[in-house]
Amino acid sequence: MAGNPRNGRPYRRLTAWLRAQRLPCWICGHNIGYELGAKHPLSFTLDHEVPLSKGGSLLDRTNARAAHRRCNSARGNRPTAPRQLVRASRRW
């Protein structure tokens, strides 16, 4: 049985590359708390523009986006455009 590909070196390298850019959340447009702990709702997570469950690539840089943990979780695997989620994400 293969291990989780998100624990592998290529995924960690992609996450580090995206984190180093310190971009705002692609879903809501607000700044991300890059210094926050991983479980904080406003901390950085790597989101995939095309969800993996919909055929998106895990390791493709063109599919990787910076997002708040909360925004990423709220979006789920819906291929919703960011502008459609801004109103909902601003409720916090």
PDB file of N, CA and C in Angstrom:
ATOM      1  N   MET A   1       0.842  -1.177   0.000  1.00  0.00           N
ATOM      2  CA  MET A   1       0.000   0.000   0.000  1.00  0.00           C
ATOM      3  C   MET A   1       0.890   1.245   0.000  1.00  0.00           C
ATOM      4  N   ALA A   2       0.609   2.159  -0.893  1.00  0.00           N
ATOM      5  CA  ALA A   2       1.397   3.384  -1.002  1.00  0.00           C
ATOM      6  C   ALA A   2       1.006   4.358   0.108  1.00  0.00           C
ATOM      7  N   GLY A   3       1.964   5.202   0.501  1.00  0.00           N
ATOM      8  CA  GLY A   3       1.695   6.210   1.516  1.00  0.00           C
ATOM      9  C   GLY A   3       0.910   7.378   0.942  1.00  0.00           C
ATOM     10  N   ASN A   4       0.529   8.292   1.799  1.00  0.00           N
ATOM     11  CA  ASN A   4      -0.197   9.487   1.405  1.00  0.00           C
ATOM     12  C   ASN A   4       0.722  10.378   0.572  1.00  0.00           C
ATOM     13  N   PRO A   5       0.352  10.706  -0.684  1.00  0.00           N
ATOM     14  CA  PRO A   5       1.222  11.530  -1.523  1.00  0.00           C
ATOM     15  C   PRO A   5       1.413  12.942  -0.979  1.00  0.00           C
ATOM     16  N   ARG A   6       0.524  13.383  -0.088  1.00  0.00           N
ATOM     17  CA  ARG A   6       0.675  14.713   0.508  1.00  0.00           C
ATOM     18  C   ARG A   6       1.772  14.738   1.575  1.00  0.00           C
ATOM     19  N   ASN A   7       2.274  13.586   1.948  1.00  0.00           N
ATOM     20  CA  ASN A   7       3.384  13.518   2.895  1.00  0.00           C
ATOM     21  C   ASN A   7       4.727  13.416   2.180  1.00  0.00           C
ATOM     22  N   GLY A   8       4.699  13.346   0.870  1.00  0.00           N
ATOM     23  CA  GLY A   8       5.920  13.166   0.101  1.00  0.00           C
ATOM     24  C   GLY A   8       6.691  14.457  -0.136  1.00  0.00           C
ATOM     25  N   ARG A   9       7.932  14.303  -0.498  1.00  0.00           N
ATOM     26  CA  ARG A   9       8.810  15.442  -0.747  1.00  0.00           C
ATOM     27  C   ARG A   9       8.294  16.369  -1.847  1.00  0.00           C
ATOM     28  N   PRO A  10       7.784  15.861  -2.989  1.00  0.00           N
ATOM     29  CA  PRO A  10       7.290  16.782  -4.027  1.00  0.00           C
ATOM     30  C   PRO A  10       6.137  17.672  -3.547  1.00  0.00           C
ATOM     31  N   TYR A  11       5.231  17.123  -2.753  1.00  0.00           N
ATOM     32  CA  TYR A  11       4.113  17.919  -2.240  1.00  0.00           C
ATOM     33  C   TYR A  11       4.612  18.950  -1.225  1.00  0.00           C
ATOM     34  N   ARG A  12       5.510  18.561  -0.349  1.00  0.00           N
ATOM     35  CA  ARG A  12       6.069  19.505   0.631  1.00  0.00           C
ATOM     36  C   ARG A  12       6.825  20.628  -0.072  1.00  0.00           C
ATOM     37  N   ARG A  13       7.519  20.301  -1.158  1.00  0.00           N
ATOM     38  CA  ARG A  13       8.243  21.312  -1.930  1.00  0.00           C
ATOM     39  C   ARG A  13       7.253  22.293  -2.581  1.00  0.00           C
ATOM     40  N   LEU A  14       6.163  21.778  -3.128  1.00  0.00           N
ATOM     41  CA  LEU A  14       5.140  22.632  -3.730  1.00  0.00           C
ATOM     42  C   LEU A  14       4.520  23.548  -2.675  1.00  0.00           C
ATOM     43  N   THR A  15       4.219  23.009  -1.517  1.00  0.00           N
ATOM     44  CA  THR A  15       3.645  23.803  -0.431  1.00  0.00           C
ATOM     45  C   THR A  15       4.608  24.901   0.007  1.00  0.00           C
ATOM     46  N   ALA A  16       5.890  24.568   0.150  1.00  0.00           N
ATOM     47  CA  ALA A  16       6.894  25.559   0.549  1.00  0.00           C
ATOM     48  C   ALA A  16       7.035  26.652  -0.511  1.00  0.00           C
ATOM     49  N   TRP A  17       7.006  26.271  -1.789  1.00  0.00           N
ATOM     50  CA  TRP A  17       7.103  27.239  -2.883  1.00  0.00           C
ATOM     51  C   TRP A  17       5.933  28.218  -2.831  1.00  0.00           C
ATOM     52  N   LEU A  18       4.725  27.697  -2.637  1.00  0.00           N
ATOM     53  CA  LEU A  18       3.539  28.554  -2.592  1.00  0.00           C
ATOM     54  C   LEU A  18       3.541  29.424  -1.342  1.00  0.00           C
ATOM     55  N   ARG A  19       3.904  28.855  -0.209  1.00  0.00           N
ATOM     56  CA  ARG A  19       3.958  29.603   1.052  1.00  0.00           C
ATOM     57  C   ARG A  19       4.944  30.766   0.962  1.00  0.00           C
ATOM     58  N   ALA A  20       6.077  30.558   0.311  1.00  0.00           N
ATOM     59  CA  ALA A  20       7.115  31.585   0.193  1.00  0.00           C
ATOM     60  C   ALA A  20       6.626  32.811  -0.577  1.00  0.00           C
ATOM     61  N   GLN A  21       5.612  32.651  -1.399  1.00  0.00           N
ATOM     62  CA  GLN A  21       5.082  33.776  -2.173  1.00  0.00           C
ATOM     63  C   GLN A  21       4.206  34.709  -1.331  1.00  0.00           C
ATOM     64  N   ARG A  22       3.712  34.205  -0.207  1.00  0.00           N
ATOM     65  CA  ARG A  22       2.908  34.989   0.739  1.00  0.00           C
ATOM     66  C   ARG A  22       1.759  35.727   0.044  1.00  0.00           C
ATOM     67  N   LEU A  23       1.062  35.003  -0.805  1.00  0.00           N
ATOM     68  CA  LEU A  23      -0.064  35.549  -1.546  1.00  0.00           C
ATOM     69  C   LEU A  23      -1.302  35.647  -0.662  1.00  0.00           C
ATOM     70  N   PRO A  24      -2.256  36.518  -1.017  1.00  0.00           N
ATOM     71  CA  PRO A  24      -3.528  36.532  -0.296  1.00  0.00           C
ATOM     72  C   PRO A  24      -4.354  35.309  -0.682  1.00  0.00           C
ATOM     73  N   CYS A  25      -5.408  35.075   0.047  1.00  0.00           N
ATOM     74  CA  CYS A  25      -6.306  33.952  -0.222  1.00  0.00           C
ATOM     75  C   CYS A  25      -6.950  34.130  -1.590  1.00  0.00           C
ATOM     76  N   TRP A  26      -6.849  33.131  -2.421  1.00  0.00           N
ATOM     77  CA  TRP A  26      -7.404  33.239  -3.772  1.00  0.00           C
ATOM     78  C   TRP A  26      -8.925  33.181  -3.758  1.00  0.00           C
ATOM     79  N   ILE A  27      -9.519  32.755  -2.657  1.00  0.00           N
ATOM     80  CA  ILE A  27     -10.968  32.636  -2.576  1.00  0.00           C
ATOM     81  C   ILE A  27     -11.610  33.943  -2.111  1.00  0.00           C
ATOM     82  N   CYS A  28     -11.104  34.512  -1.021  1.00  0.00           N
ATOM     83  CA  CYS A  28     -11.728  35.721  -0.476  1.00  0.00           C
ATOM     84  C   CYS A  28     -10.929  36.993  -0.745  1.00  0.00           C
ATOM     85  N   GLY A  29      -9.650  36.848  -1.086  1.00  0.00           N
ATOM     86  CA  GLY A  29      -8.824  38.014  -1.386  1.00  0.00           C
ATOM     87  C   GLY A  29      -8.164  38.657  -0.182  1.00  0.00           C
ATOM     88  N   HIS A  30      -8.433  38.173   1.021  1.00  0.00           N
ATOM     89  CA  HIS A  30      -7.843  38.747   2.237  1.00  0.00           C
ATOM     90  C   HIS A  30      -6.464  38.140   2.503  1.00  0.00           C
ATOM     91  N   ASN A  31      -5.655  38.883   3.272  1.00  0.00           N
ATOM     92  CA  ASN A  31      -4.328  38.380   3.632  1.00  0.00           C
ATOM     93  C   ASN A  31      -4.435  37.104   4.461  1.00  0.00           C
ATOM     94  N   ILE A  32      -3.444  36.250   4.293  1.00  0.00           N
ATOM     95  CA  ILE A  32      -3.373  34.989   5.024  1.00  0.00           C
ATOM     96  C   ILE A  32      -2.396  35.156   6.180  1.00  0.00           C
ATOM     97  N   GLY A  33      -2.716  34.586   7.339  1.00  0.00           N
ATOM     98  CA  GLY A  33      -1.826  34.628   8.498  1.00  0.00           C
ATOM     99  C   GLY A  33      -0.770  33.538   8.384  1.00  0.00           C
ATOM    100  N   TYR A  34       0.266  33.787   7.606  1.00  0.00           N
ATOM    101  CA  TYR A  34       1.303  32.782   7.373  1.00  0.00           C
ATOM    102  C   TYR A  34       2.044  32.392   8.650  1.00  0.00           C
ATOM    103  N   GLU A  35       1.991  33.245   9.671  1.00  0.00           N
ATOM    104  CA  GLU A  35       2.675  32.957  10.934  1.00  0.00           C
ATOM    105  C   GLU A  35       1.794  32.163  11.893  1.00  0.00           C
ATOM    106  N   LEU A  36       0.526  31.987  11.568  1.00  0.00           N
ATOM    107  CA  LEU A  36      -0.407  31.283  12.446  1.00  0.00           C
ATOM    108  C   LEU A  36      -0.178  29.777  12.425  1.00  0.00           C
ATOM    109  N   GLY A  37      -0.572  29.122  13.487  1.00  0.00           N
ATOM    110  CA  GLY A  37      -0.478  27.668  13.560  1.00  0.00           C
ATOM    111  C   GLY A  37      -1.368  27.009  12.516  1.00  0.00           C
ATOM    112  N   ALA A  38      -1.014  25.823  12.115  1.00  0.00           N
ATOM    113  CA  ALA A  38      -1.689  25.127  11.013  1.00  0.00           C
ATOM    114  C   ALA A  38      -3.180  24.919  11.236  1.00  0.00           C
ATOM    115  N   LYS A  39      -3.633  24.852  12.483  1.00  0.00           N
ATOM    116  CA  LYS A  39      -5.050  24.586  12.749  1.00  0.00           C
ATOM    117  C   LYS A  39      -5.898  25.858  12.852  1.00  0.00           C
ATOM    118  N   HIS A  40      -5.260  27.012  12.816  1.00  0.00           N
ATOM    119  CA  HIS A  40      -6.003  28.275  12.909  1.00  0.00           C
ATOM    120  C   HIS A  40      -6.818  28.469  11.626  1.00  0.00           C
ATOM    121  N   PRO A  41      -8.074  28.934  11.728  1.00  0.00           N
ATOM    122  CA  PRO A  41      -8.917  29.074  10.538  1.00  0.00           C
ATOM    123  C   PRO A  41      -8.390  30.056   9.488  1.00  0.00           C
ATOM    124  N   LEU A  42      -7.548  30.998   9.890  1.00  0.00           N
ATOM    125  CA  LEU A  42      -7.016  31.971   8.936  1.00  0.00           C
ATOM    126  C   LEU A  42      -5.584  31.669   8.518  1.00  0.00           C
ATOM    127  N   SER A  43      -5.109  30.470   8.828  1.00  0.00           N
ATOM    128  CA  SER A  43      -3.754  30.070   8.443  1.00  0.00           C
ATOM    129  C   SER A  43      -3.712  29.621   6.982  1.00  0.00           C
ATOM    130  N   PHE A  44      -2.524  29.448   6.464  1.00  0.00           N
ATOM    131  CA  PHE A  44      -2.284  29.048   5.077  1.00  0.00           C
ATOM    132  C   PHE A  44      -2.584  27.572   4.840  1.00  0.00           C
ATOM    133  N   THR A  45      -3.260  27.308   3.732  1.00  0.00           N
ATOM    134  CA  THR A  45      -3.371  25.949   3.209  1.00  0.00           C
ATOM    135  C   THR A  45      -3.185  26.013   1.699  1.00  0.00           C
ATOM    136  N   LEU A  46      -2.752  24.928   1.139  1.00  0.00           N
ATOM    137  CA  LEU A  46      -2.656  24.811  -0.305  1.00  0.00           C
ATOM    138  C   LEU A  46      -4.002  24.292  -0.807  1.00  0.00           C
ATOM    139  N   ASP A  47      -4.621  25.046  -1.686  1.00  0.00           N
ATOM    140  CA  ASP A  47      -5.889  24.636  -2.285  1.00  0.00           C
ATOM    141  C   ASP A  47      -5.627  24.328  -3.749  1.00  0.00           C
ATOM    142  N   HIS A  48      -6.451  23.508  -4.322  1.00  0.00           N
ATOM    143  CA  HIS A  48      -6.323  23.173  -5.746  1.00  0.00           C
ATOM    144  C   HIS A  48      -7.470  23.803  -6.500  1.00  0.00           C
ATOM    145  N   GLU A  49      -7.158  24.627  -7.495  1.00  0.00           N
ATOM    146  CA  GLU A  49      -8.199  25.296  -8.273  1.00  0.00           C
ATOM    147  C   GLU A  49      -9.172  24.270  -8.858  1.00  0.00           C
ATOM    148  N   VAL A  50      -8.627  23.252  -9.501  1.00  0.00           N
ATOM    149  CA  VAL A  50      -9.446  22.131  -9.963  1.00  0.00           C
ATOM    150  C   VAL A  50      -9.309  21.059  -8.883  1.00  0.00           C
ATOM    151  N   PRO A  51     -10.371  20.799  -8.121  1.00  0.00           N
ATOM    152  CA  PRO A  51     -10.282  19.829  -7.029  1.00  0.00           C
ATOM    153  C   PRO A  51      -9.744  18.471  -7.497  1.00  0.00           C
ATOM    154  N   LEU A  52      -9.005  17.827  -6.624  1.00  0.00           N
ATOM    155  CA  LEU A  52      -8.430  16.525  -6.958  1.00  0.00           C
ATOM    156  C   LEU A  52      -9.520  15.525  -7.318  1.00  0.00           C
ATOM    157  N   SER A  53     -10.658  15.617  -6.639  1.00  0.00           N
ATOM    158  CA  SER A  53     -11.762  14.696  -6.915  1.00  0.00           C
ATOM    159  C   SER A  53     -12.419  14.948  -8.272  1.00  0.00           C
ATOM    160  N   LYS A  54     -12.100  16.087  -8.869  1.00  0.00           N
ATOM    161  CA  LYS A  54     -12.649  16.431 -10.189  1.00  0.00           C
ATOM    162  C   LYS A  54     -11.581  16.332 -11.278  1.00  0.00           C
ATOM    163  N   GLY A  55     -10.451  15.679 -10.953  1.00  0.00           N
ATOM    164  CA  GLY A  55      -9.406  15.459 -11.944  1.00  0.00           C
ATOM    165  C   GLY A  55      -8.227  16.403 -11.876  1.00  0.00           C
ATOM    166  N   GLY A  56      -8.191  17.289 -10.886  1.00  0.00           N
ATOM    167  CA  GLY A  56      -7.074  18.213 -10.736  1.00  0.00           C
ATOM    168  C   GLY A  56      -5.806  17.493 -10.329  1.00  0.00           C
ATOM    169  N   SER A  57      -4.675  18.087 -10.675  1.00  0.00           N
ATOM    170  CA  SER A  57      -3.377  17.495 -10.374  1.00  0.00           C
ATOM    171  C   SER A  57      -2.881  17.922  -8.994  1.00  0.00           C
ATOM    172  N   LEU A  58      -2.429  16.974  -8.209  1.00  0.00           N
ATOM    173  CA  LEU A  58      -1.911  17.231  -6.869  1.00  0.00           C
ATOM    174  C   LEU A  58      -0.648  18.083  -6.897  1.00  0.00           C
ATOM    175  N   LEU A  59       0.231  17.858  -7.873  1.00  0.00           N
ATOM    176  CA  LEU A  59       1.553  18.475  -7.867  1.00  0.00           C
ATOM    177  C   LEU A  59       1.769  19.541  -8.937  1.00  0.00           C
ATOM    178  N   ASP A  60       0.749  19.901  -9.679  1.00  0.00           N
ATOM    179  CA  ASP A  60       0.877  20.892 -10.743  1.00  0.00           C
ATOM    180  C   ASP A  60       0.828  22.297 -10.147  1.00  0.00           C
ATOM    181  N   ARG A  61       1.887  23.075 -10.336  1.00  0.00           N
ATOM    182  CA  ARG A  61       1.931  24.435  -9.794  1.00  0.00           C
ATOM    183  C   ARG A  61       0.815  25.311 -10.331  1.00  0.00           C
ATOM    184  N   THR A  62       0.379  25.061 -11.550  1.00  0.00           N
ATOM    185  CA  THR A  62      -0.693  25.882 -12.116  1.00  0.00           C
ATOM    186  C   THR A  62      -2.050  25.579 -11.487  1.00  0.00           C
ATOM    187  N   ASN A  63      -2.140  24.509 -10.726  1.00  0.00           N
ATOM    188  CA  ASN A  63      -3.376  24.148 -10.041  1.00  0.00           C
ATOM    189  C   ASN A  63      -3.326  24.509  -8.553  1.00  0.00           C
ATOM    190  N   ALA A  64      -2.188  24.941  -8.058  1.00  0.00           N
ATOM    191  CA  ALA A  64      -1.996  25.237  -6.637  1.00  0.00           C
ATOM    192  C   ALA A  64      -2.347  26.688  -6.329  1.00  0.00           C
ATOM    193  N   ARG A  65      -3.108  26.897  -5.274  1.00  0.00           N
ATOM    194  CA  ARG A  65      -3.520  28.236  -4.847  1.00  0.00           C
ATOM    195  C   ARG A  65      -3.365  28.362  -3.335  1.00  0.00           C
ATOM    196  N   ALA A  66      -3.017  29.565  -2.882  1.00  0.00           N
ATOM    197  CA  ALA A  66      -2.944  29.859  -1.454  1.00  0.00           C
ATOM    198  C   ALA A  66      -4.344  30.193  -0.953  1.00  0.00           C
ATOM    199  N   ALA A  67      -4.736  29.614   0.175  1.00  0.00           N
ATOM    200  CA  ALA A  67      -6.062  29.871   0.734  1.00  0.00           C
ATOM    201  C   ALA A  67      -6.023  29.805   2.249  1.00  0.00           C
ATOM    202  N   HIS A  68      -6.988  30.482   2.876  1.00  0.00           N
ATOM    203  CA  HIS A  68      -7.190  30.305   4.311  1.00  0.00           C
ATOM    204  C   HIS A  68      -7.719  28.891   4.535  1.00  0.00           C
ATOM    205  N   ARG A  69      -7.396  28.331   5.663  1.00  0.00           N
ATOM    206  CA  ARG A  69      -7.932  27.016   6.010  1.00  0.00           C
ATOM    207  C   ARG A  69      -9.463  27.052   5.975  1.00  0.00           C
ATOM    208  N   ARG A  70     -10.060  28.098   6.537  1.00  0.00           N
ATOM    209  CA  ARG A  70     -11.516  28.215   6.587  1.00  0.00           C
ATOM    210  C   ARG A  70     -12.122  28.309   5.180  1.00  0.00           C
ATOM    211  N   CYS A  71     -11.540  29.118   4.315  1.00  0.00           N
ATOM    212  CA  CYS A  71     -12.062  29.274   2.949  1.00  0.00           C
ATOM    213  C   CYS A  71     -11.931  27.967   2.171  1.00  0.00           C
ATOM    214  N   ASN A  72     -10.801  27.302   2.339  1.00  0.00           N
ATOM    215  CA  ASN A  72     -10.556  26.035   1.655  1.00  0.00           C
ATOM    216  C   ASN A  72     -11.586  24.998   2.100  1.00  0.00           C
ATOM    217  N   SER A  73     -11.835  24.926   3.392  1.00  0.00           N
ATOM    218  CA  SER A  73     -12.805  23.963   3.916  1.00  0.00           C
ATOM    219  C   SER A  73     -14.216  24.280   3.444  1.00  0.00           C
ATOM    220  N   ALA A  74     -14.577  25.557   3.435  1.00  0.00           N
ATOM    221  CA  ALA A  74     -15.919  25.960   3.018  1.00  0.00           C
ATOM    222  C   ALA A  74     -16.148  25.662   1.536  1.00  0.00           C
ATOM    223  N   ARG A  75     -15.125  25.796   0.751  1.00  0.00           N
ATOM    224  CA  ARG A  75     -15.239  25.548  -0.689  1.00  0.00           C
ATOM    225  C   ARG A  75     -15.418  24.067  -0.987  1.00  0.00           C
ATOM    226  N   GLY A  76     -14.784  23.224  -0.200  1.00  0.00           N
ATOM    227  CA  GLY A  76     -14.874  21.785  -0.422  1.00  0.00           C
ATOM    228  C   GLY A  76     -14.320  21.402  -1.783  1.00  0.00           C
ATOM    229  N   ASN A  77     -15.021  20.550  -2.501  1.00  0.00           N
ATOM    230  CA  ASN A  77     -14.532  20.135  -3.818  1.00  0.00           C
ATOM    231  C   ASN A  77     -15.334  20.789  -4.947  1.00  0.00           C
ATOM    232  N   ARG A  78     -16.004  21.890  -4.607  1.00  0.00           N
ATOM    233  CA  ARG A  78     -16.760  22.596  -5.644  1.00  0.00           C
ATOM    234  C   ARG A  78     -15.816  23.427  -6.506  1.00  0.00           C
ATOM    235  N   PRO A  79     -15.984  23.377  -7.813  1.00  0.00           N
ATOM    236  CA  PRO A  79     -15.126  24.167  -8.704  1.00  0.00           C
ATOM    237  C   PRO A  79     -15.659  25.591  -8.864  1.00  0.00           C
ATOM    238  N   THR A  80     -16.039  26.200  -7.747  1.00  0.00           N
ATOM    239  CA  THR A  80     -16.627  27.530  -7.753  1.00  0.00           C
ATOM    240  C   THR A  80     -15.560  28.596  -7.961  1.00  0.00           C
ATOM    241  N   ALA A  81     -15.884  29.574  -8.779  1.00  0.00           N
ATOM    242  CA  ALA A  81     -14.973  30.699  -8.998  1.00  0.00           C
ATOM    243  C   ALA A  81     -14.848  31.497  -7.703  1.00  0.00           C
ATOM    244  N   PRO A  82     -13.666  32.035  -7.396  1.00  0.00           N
ATOM    245  CA  PRO A  82     -13.450  32.777  -6.156  1.00  0.00           C
ATOM    246  C   PRO A  82     -14.439  33.914  -5.950  1.00  0.00           C
ATOM    247  N   ARG A  83     -14.771  34.671  -6.984  1.00  0.00           N
ATOM    248  CA  ARG A  83     -15.657  35.824  -6.813  1.00  0.00           C
ATOM    249  C   ARG A  83     -17.038  35.414  -6.306  1.00  0.00           C
ATOM    250  N   GLN A  84     -17.431  34.181  -6.524  1.00  0.00           N
ATOM    251  CA  GLN A  84     -18.728  33.713  -6.055  1.00  0.00           C
ATOM    252  C   GLN A  84     -18.695  33.351  -4.575  1.00  0.00           C
ATOM    253  N   LEU A  85     -17.517  33.187  -4.008  1.00  0.00           N
ATOM    254  CA  LEU A  85     -17.397  32.807  -2.599  1.00  0.00           C
ATOM    255  C   LEU A  85     -17.071  33.980  -1.687  1.00  0.00           C
ATOM    256  N   VAL A  86     -16.691  35.114  -2.248  1.00  0.00           N
ATOM    257  CA  VAL A  86     -16.253  36.239  -1.423  1.00  0.00           C
ATOM    258  C   VAL A  86     -17.318  36.669  -0.424  1.00  0.00           C
ATOM    259  N   ARG A  87     -18.551  36.806  -0.853  1.00  0.00           N
ATOM    260  CA  ARG A  87     -19.612  37.239   0.045  1.00  0.00           C
ATOM    261  C   ARG A  87     -19.765  36.288   1.232  1.00  0.00           C
ATOM    262  N   ALA A  88     -19.753  35.000   0.991  1.00  0.00           N
ATOM    263  CA  ALA A  88     -19.913  34.017   2.061  1.00  0.00           C
ATOM    264  C   ALA A  88     -18.719  34.029   3.002  1.00  0.00           C
ATOM    265  N   SER A  89     -17.514  34.187   2.486  1.00  0.00           N
ATOM    266  CA  SER A  89     -16.320  34.111   3.330  1.00  0.00           C
ATOM    267  C   SER A  89     -16.140  35.344   4.199  1.00  0.00           C
ATOM    268  N   ARG A  90     -16.769  36.443   3.879  1.00  0.00           N
ATOM    269  CA  ARG A  90     -16.610  37.677   4.656  1.00  0.00           C
ATOM    270  C   ARG A  90     -17.485  37.697   5.904  1.00  0.00           C
ATOM    271  N   ARG A  91     -18.234  36.668   6.115  1.00  0.00           N
ATOM    272  CA  ARG A  91     -19.115  36.620   7.279  1.00  0.00           C
ATOM    273  C   ARG A  91     -18.351  36.392   8.580  1.00  0.00           C
ATOM    274  N   TRP A  92     -17.121  36.016   8.536  1.00  0.00           N
ATOM    275  CA  TRP A  92     -16.354  35.807   9.757  1.00  0.00           C
ATOM    276  C   TRP A  92     -15.665  37.067  10.074  1.00  0.00           C
TER     277      TRP A  92
END
